[in-house]
Amino acid sequence: MSTAPATGPIDVSYVSELLEVALSILERHHDRDLARKTLALRDVLETSRKRVDLDCRETLSKALADLTGAVQDHLDIELAAVVELWTPHITSALTERRAAQR
């Protein structure tokens, strides 16, 4: 996942991807903090669409940063779990392969 833009225009595809990943995580893990940050970003997006006269860039940037951090934390935890689960199997297979080659 890429990093949210710090300044300038907001990349709509990044926002869509981030929301998609957050919702996917929420289907597997019922995390109130992640749900709160997802809803906050959706609310800011909805407000910016309804009230074009408001400059929501700062609020949107904060909501993006908050949700990006929460999603990244979940992805890091999931990656660590996969590594922990599969490392013994991979190590064992490599050891067996080396022994067979000798």
N, C-alpha and C. Protein backbone atom coordinates (compact mmCIF):
# COMPACT_ATOMS: atom_id res chain seq x y z
N MET A 1 0.85 -1.17 0.00
CA MET A 1 0.00 0.00 0.00
C MET A 1 0.90 1.23 0.00
N SER A 2 0.55 2.18 -0.80
CA SER A 2 1.34 3.40 -0.89
C SER A 2 1.01 4.34 0.27
N THR A 3 1.77 5.40 0.35
CA THR A 3 1.58 6.39 1.41
C THR A 3 0.68 7.52 0.93
N ALA A 4 -0.13 8.03 1.83
CA ALA A 4 -1.03 9.13 1.47
C ALA A 4 -0.23 10.37 1.13
N PRO A 5 -0.69 11.16 0.18
CA PRO A 5 0.02 12.38 -0.17
C PRO A 5 0.00 13.37 0.98
N ALA A 6 1.11 14.05 1.20
CA ALA A 6 1.21 14.98 2.32
C ALA A 6 0.52 16.31 2.00
N THR A 7 0.71 16.79 0.79
CA THR A 7 0.10 18.07 0.41
C THR A 7 -0.44 17.95 -1.00
N GLY A 8 -1.13 19.00 -1.42
CA GLY A 8 -1.64 19.00 -2.79
C GLY A 8 -2.94 18.25 -2.91
N PRO A 9 -3.31 17.93 -4.13
CA PRO A 9 -4.59 17.25 -4.35
C PRO A 9 -4.57 15.84 -3.75
N ILE A 10 -5.74 15.40 -3.32
CA ILE A 10 -5.88 14.07 -2.74
C ILE A 10 -6.09 13.07 -3.88
N ASP A 11 -5.34 11.98 -3.84
CA ASP A 11 -5.44 10.92 -4.84
C ASP A 11 -6.67 10.07 -4.53
N VAL A 12 -7.70 10.22 -5.35
CA VAL A 12 -8.97 9.52 -5.12
C VAL A 12 -8.79 8.01 -5.17
N SER A 13 -7.93 7.52 -6.04
CA SER A 13 -7.71 6.08 -6.12
C SER A 13 -7.06 5.56 -4.84
N TYR A 14 -6.18 6.36 -4.24
CA TYR A 14 -5.58 5.96 -2.96
C TYR A 14 -6.64 5.88 -1.88
N VAL A 15 -7.52 6.87 -1.83
CA VAL A 15 -8.59 6.90 -0.83
C VAL A 15 -9.49 5.69 -1.00
N SER A 16 -9.86 5.38 -2.24
CA SER A 16 -10.71 4.22 -2.52
C SER A 16 -10.04 2.93 -2.09
N GLU A 17 -8.77 2.79 -2.43
CA GLU A 17 -8.03 1.58 -2.06
C GLU A 17 -7.93 1.45 -0.54
N LEU A 18 -7.64 2.55 0.12
CA LEU A 18 -7.51 2.53 1.57
C LEU A 18 -8.83 2.11 2.22
N LEU A 19 -9.93 2.69 1.77
CA LEU A 19 -11.24 2.32 2.33
C LEU A 19 -11.56 0.85 2.05
N GLU A 20 -11.22 0.38 0.87
CA GLU A 20 -11.46 -1.02 0.51
C GLU A 20 -10.67 -1.96 1.42
N VAL A 21 -9.42 -1.65 1.65
CA VAL A 21 -8.59 -2.49 2.53
C VAL A 21 -9.11 -2.42 3.96
N ALA A 22 -9.47 -1.24 4.43
CA ALA A 22 -10.00 -1.09 5.79
C ALA A 22 -11.27 -1.90 5.97
N LEU A 23 -12.17 -1.85 4.99
CA LEU A 23 -13.41 -2.62 5.09
C LEU A 23 -13.15 -4.12 5.05
N SER A 24 -12.18 -4.53 4.27
CA SER A 24 -11.80 -5.94 4.22
C SER A 24 -11.26 -6.40 5.57
N ILE A 25 -10.45 -5.59 6.19
CA ILE A 25 -9.92 -5.92 7.52
C ILE A 25 -11.05 -5.98 8.53
N LEU A 26 -11.99 -5.03 8.44
CA LEU A 26 -13.11 -5.00 9.39
C LEU A 26 -14.00 -6.23 9.25
N GLU A 27 -14.05 -6.84 8.07
CA GLU A 27 -14.82 -8.07 7.90
C GLU A 27 -14.21 -9.22 8.72
N ARG A 28 -12.90 -9.20 8.89
CA ARG A 28 -12.21 -10.26 9.62
C ARG A 28 -11.96 -9.92 11.09
N HIS A 29 -11.75 -8.66 11.37
CA HIS A 29 -11.42 -8.22 12.73
C HIS A 29 -12.36 -7.08 13.12
N HIS A 30 -13.08 -7.27 14.16
CA HIS A 30 -14.01 -6.23 14.61
C HIS A 30 -13.27 -5.27 15.53
N ASP A 31 -12.61 -4.31 14.93
CA ASP A 31 -11.77 -3.34 15.63
C ASP A 31 -12.50 -1.99 15.66
N ARG A 32 -12.88 -1.57 16.85
CA ARG A 32 -13.64 -0.33 16.97
C ARG A 32 -12.84 0.89 16.51
N ASP A 33 -11.55 0.90 16.82
CA ASP A 33 -10.72 2.04 16.42
C ASP A 33 -10.63 2.15 14.90
N LEU A 34 -10.42 1.03 14.25
CA LEU A 34 -10.36 1.03 12.78
C LEU A 34 -11.72 1.43 12.20
N ALA A 35 -12.79 0.93 12.78
CA ALA A 35 -14.14 1.30 12.31
C ALA A 35 -14.38 2.80 12.49
N ARG A 36 -13.96 3.33 13.62
CA ARG A 36 -14.13 4.76 13.89
C ARG A 36 -13.37 5.60 12.87
N LYS A 37 -12.14 5.20 12.57
CA LYS A 37 -11.32 5.96 11.62
C LYS A 37 -11.84 5.82 10.20
N THR A 38 -12.39 4.66 9.87
CA THR A 38 -12.99 4.46 8.55
C THR A 38 -14.21 5.36 8.40
N LEU A 39 -15.06 5.38 9.42
CA LEU A 39 -16.25 6.24 9.38
C LEU A 39 -15.87 7.71 9.34
N ALA A 40 -14.82 8.08 10.06
CA ALA A 40 -14.37 9.48 10.06
C ALA A 40 -13.96 9.91 8.65
N LEU A 41 -13.22 9.06 7.96
CA LEU A 41 -12.81 9.39 6.59
C LEU A 41 -14.02 9.48 5.67
N ARG A 42 -14.94 8.55 5.80
CA ARG A 42 -16.15 8.59 4.97
C ARG A 42 -16.94 9.87 5.24
N ASP A 43 -17.04 10.26 6.51
CA ASP A 43 -17.77 11.49 6.86
C ASP A 43 -17.13 12.72 6.24
N VAL A 44 -15.80 12.79 6.30
CA VAL A 44 -15.09 13.93 5.71
C VAL A 44 -15.31 13.96 4.21
N LEU A 45 -15.24 12.81 3.56
CA LEU A 45 -15.47 12.74 2.11
C LEU A 45 -16.89 13.18 1.78
N GLU A 46 -17.85 12.73 2.55
CA GLU A 46 -19.25 13.11 2.31
C GLU A 46 -19.45 14.61 2.50
N THR A 47 -18.85 15.15 3.56
CA THR A 47 -18.95 16.59 3.82
C THR A 47 -18.33 17.39 2.68
N SER A 48 -17.17 16.94 2.20
CA SER A 48 -16.50 17.67 1.13
C SER A 48 -17.30 17.63 -0.17
N ARG A 49 -18.06 16.56 -0.37
CA ARG A 49 -18.90 16.47 -1.57
C ARG A 49 -20.13 17.37 -1.46
N LYS A 50 -20.72 17.40 -0.26
CA LYS A 50 -21.94 18.20 -0.06
C LYS A 50 -21.65 19.69 0.07
N ARG A 51 -20.53 20.00 0.69
CA ARG A 51 -20.21 21.40 0.97
C ARG A 51 -18.94 21.78 0.22
N VAL A 52 -19.06 22.00 -1.06
CA VAL A 52 -17.89 22.33 -1.88
C VAL A 52 -17.29 23.68 -1.49
N ASP A 53 -18.05 24.50 -0.75
CA ASP A 53 -17.53 25.79 -0.31
C ASP A 53 -16.54 25.64 0.84
N LEU A 54 -16.55 24.51 1.54
CA LEU A 54 -15.62 24.28 2.65
C LEU A 54 -14.31 23.70 2.13
N ASP A 55 -13.22 24.11 2.76
CA ASP A 55 -11.92 23.52 2.43
C ASP A 55 -11.65 22.44 3.48
N CYS A 56 -11.86 21.20 3.10
CA CYS A 56 -11.72 20.07 4.02
C CYS A 56 -10.37 19.38 3.88
N ARG A 57 -9.46 20.01 3.17
CA ARG A 57 -8.18 19.36 2.87
C ARG A 57 -7.41 18.95 4.13
N GLU A 58 -7.35 19.84 5.11
CA GLU A 58 -6.61 19.53 6.34
C GLU A 58 -7.28 18.39 7.11
N THR A 59 -8.60 18.46 7.23
CA THR A 59 -9.34 17.40 7.92
C THR A 59 -9.23 16.08 7.16
N LEU A 60 -9.30 16.16 5.85
CA LEU A 60 -9.18 14.96 5.03
C LEU A 60 -7.77 14.36 5.15
N SER A 61 -6.75 15.19 5.15
CA SER A 61 -5.38 14.71 5.30
C SER A 61 -5.19 14.01 6.64
N LYS A 62 -5.78 14.57 7.69
CA LYS A 62 -5.67 13.95 9.02
C LYS A 62 -6.41 12.62 9.05
N ALA A 63 -7.62 12.59 8.49
CA ALA A 63 -8.39 11.35 8.46
C ALA A 63 -7.66 10.27 7.65
N LEU A 64 -7.06 10.67 6.53
CA LEU A 64 -6.27 9.74 5.72
C LEU A 64 -5.08 9.20 6.49
N ALA A 65 -4.37 10.09 7.16
CA ALA A 65 -3.20 9.66 7.93
C ALA A 65 -3.60 8.72 9.05
N ASP A 66 -4.69 9.05 9.75
CA ASP A 66 -5.15 8.19 10.85
C ASP A 66 -5.54 6.81 10.35
N LEU A 67 -6.32 6.76 9.26
CA LEU A 67 -6.75 5.47 8.74
C LEU A 67 -5.58 4.70 8.14
N THR A 68 -4.68 5.39 7.46
CA THR A 68 -3.50 4.73 6.90
C THR A 68 -2.69 4.06 8.00
N GLY A 69 -2.49 4.75 9.11
CA GLY A 69 -1.75 4.18 10.23
C GLY A 69 -2.44 2.96 10.81
N ALA A 70 -3.75 3.04 10.98
CA ALA A 70 -4.50 1.91 11.54
C ALA A 70 -4.47 0.71 10.60
N VAL A 71 -4.63 0.95 9.30
CA VAL A 71 -4.58 -0.14 8.33
C VAL A 71 -3.18 -0.75 8.30
N GLN A 72 -2.16 0.10 8.31
CA GLN A 72 -0.78 -0.41 8.28
C GLN A 72 -0.49 -1.26 9.51
N ASP A 73 -0.99 -0.86 10.68
CA ASP A 73 -0.81 -1.66 11.89
C ASP A 73 -1.42 -3.04 11.72
N HIS A 74 -2.64 -3.11 11.17
CA HIS A 74 -3.28 -4.40 10.95
C HIS A 74 -2.51 -5.24 9.95
N LEU A 75 -2.05 -4.63 8.87
CA LEU A 75 -1.29 -5.38 7.87
C LEU A 75 0.02 -5.90 8.45
N ASP A 76 0.68 -5.10 9.27
CA ASP A 76 1.92 -5.54 9.91
C ASP A 76 1.67 -6.74 10.83
N ILE A 77 0.57 -6.69 11.59
CA ILE A 77 0.23 -7.79 12.49
C ILE A 77 -0.08 -9.06 11.69
N GLU A 78 -0.84 -8.90 10.61
CA GLU A 78 -1.16 -10.06 9.77
C GLU A 78 0.09 -10.65 9.12
N LEU A 79 0.98 -9.80 8.67
CA LEU A 79 2.22 -10.29 8.06
C LEU A 79 3.06 -11.04 9.10
N ALA A 80 3.16 -10.50 10.30
CA ALA A 80 3.93 -11.17 11.36
C ALA A 80 3.32 -12.54 11.68
N ALA A 81 1.99 -12.63 11.68
CA ALA A 81 1.34 -13.92 11.95
C ALA A 81 1.63 -14.93 10.84
N VAL A 82 1.64 -14.48 9.60
CA VAL A 82 1.94 -15.37 8.47
C VAL A 82 3.38 -15.85 8.57
N VAL A 83 4.29 -14.95 8.86
CA VAL A 83 5.70 -15.32 8.98
C VAL A 83 5.88 -16.33 10.11
N GLU A 84 5.24 -16.07 11.23
CA GLU A 84 5.34 -16.99 12.38
C GLU A 84 4.77 -18.36 12.04
N LEU A 85 3.68 -18.38 11.31
CA LEU A 85 3.03 -19.64 10.95
C LEU A 85 3.86 -20.45 9.96
N TRP A 86 4.40 -19.79 8.94
CA TRP A 86 5.04 -20.51 7.85
C TRP A 86 6.54 -20.69 7.98
N THR A 87 7.23 -19.93 8.81
CA THR A 87 8.68 -20.04 8.94
C THR A 87 9.13 -21.45 9.31
N PRO A 88 8.52 -22.10 10.31
CA PRO A 88 8.97 -23.47 10.62
C PRO A 88 8.80 -24.44 9.45
N HIS A 89 7.72 -24.30 8.69
CA HIS A 89 7.49 -25.19 7.55
C HIS A 89 8.51 -24.95 6.45
N ILE A 90 8.79 -23.70 6.18
CA ILE A 90 9.76 -23.36 5.13
C ILE A 90 11.15 -23.82 5.55
N THR A 91 11.50 -23.56 6.80
CA THR A 91 12.81 -23.97 7.31
C THR A 91 12.97 -25.48 7.24
N SER A 92 11.93 -26.20 7.63
CA SER A 92 11.97 -27.66 7.59
C SER A 92 12.13 -28.16 6.15
N ALA A 93 11.40 -27.59 5.24
CA ALA A 93 11.49 -28.01 3.83
C ALA A 93 12.87 -27.73 3.27
N LEU A 94 13.44 -26.58 3.61
CA LEU A 94 14.79 -26.26 3.13
C LEU A 94 15.82 -27.21 3.72
N THR A 95 15.67 -27.54 4.98
CA THR A 95 16.60 -28.47 5.64
C THR A 95 16.51 -29.85 4.98
N GLU A 96 15.29 -30.30 4.71
CA GLU A 96 15.10 -31.60 4.04
C GLU A 96 15.70 -31.58 2.64
N ARG A 97 15.53 -30.49 1.92
CA ARG A 97 16.06 -30.38 0.56
C ARG A 97 17.59 -30.43 0.58
N ARG A 98 18.18 -29.70 1.50
CA ARG A 98 19.65 -29.71 1.62
C ARG A 98 20.16 -31.09 1.97
N ALA A 99 19.49 -31.78 2.87
CA ALA A 99 19.90 -33.12 3.27
C ALA A 99 19.78 -34.09 2.09
N ALA A 100 18.76 -33.94 1.29
CA ALA A 100 18.57 -34.81 0.13
C ALA A 100 19.63 -34.55 -0.94
N GLN A 101 20.15 -33.33 -1.02
CA GLN A 101 21.15 -33.00 -2.03
C GLN A 101 22.53 -33.49 -1.65
N ARG A 102 22.73 -33.85 -0.41
CA ARG A 102 24.07 -34.32 0.03
C ARG A 102 24.29 -35.74 -0.23
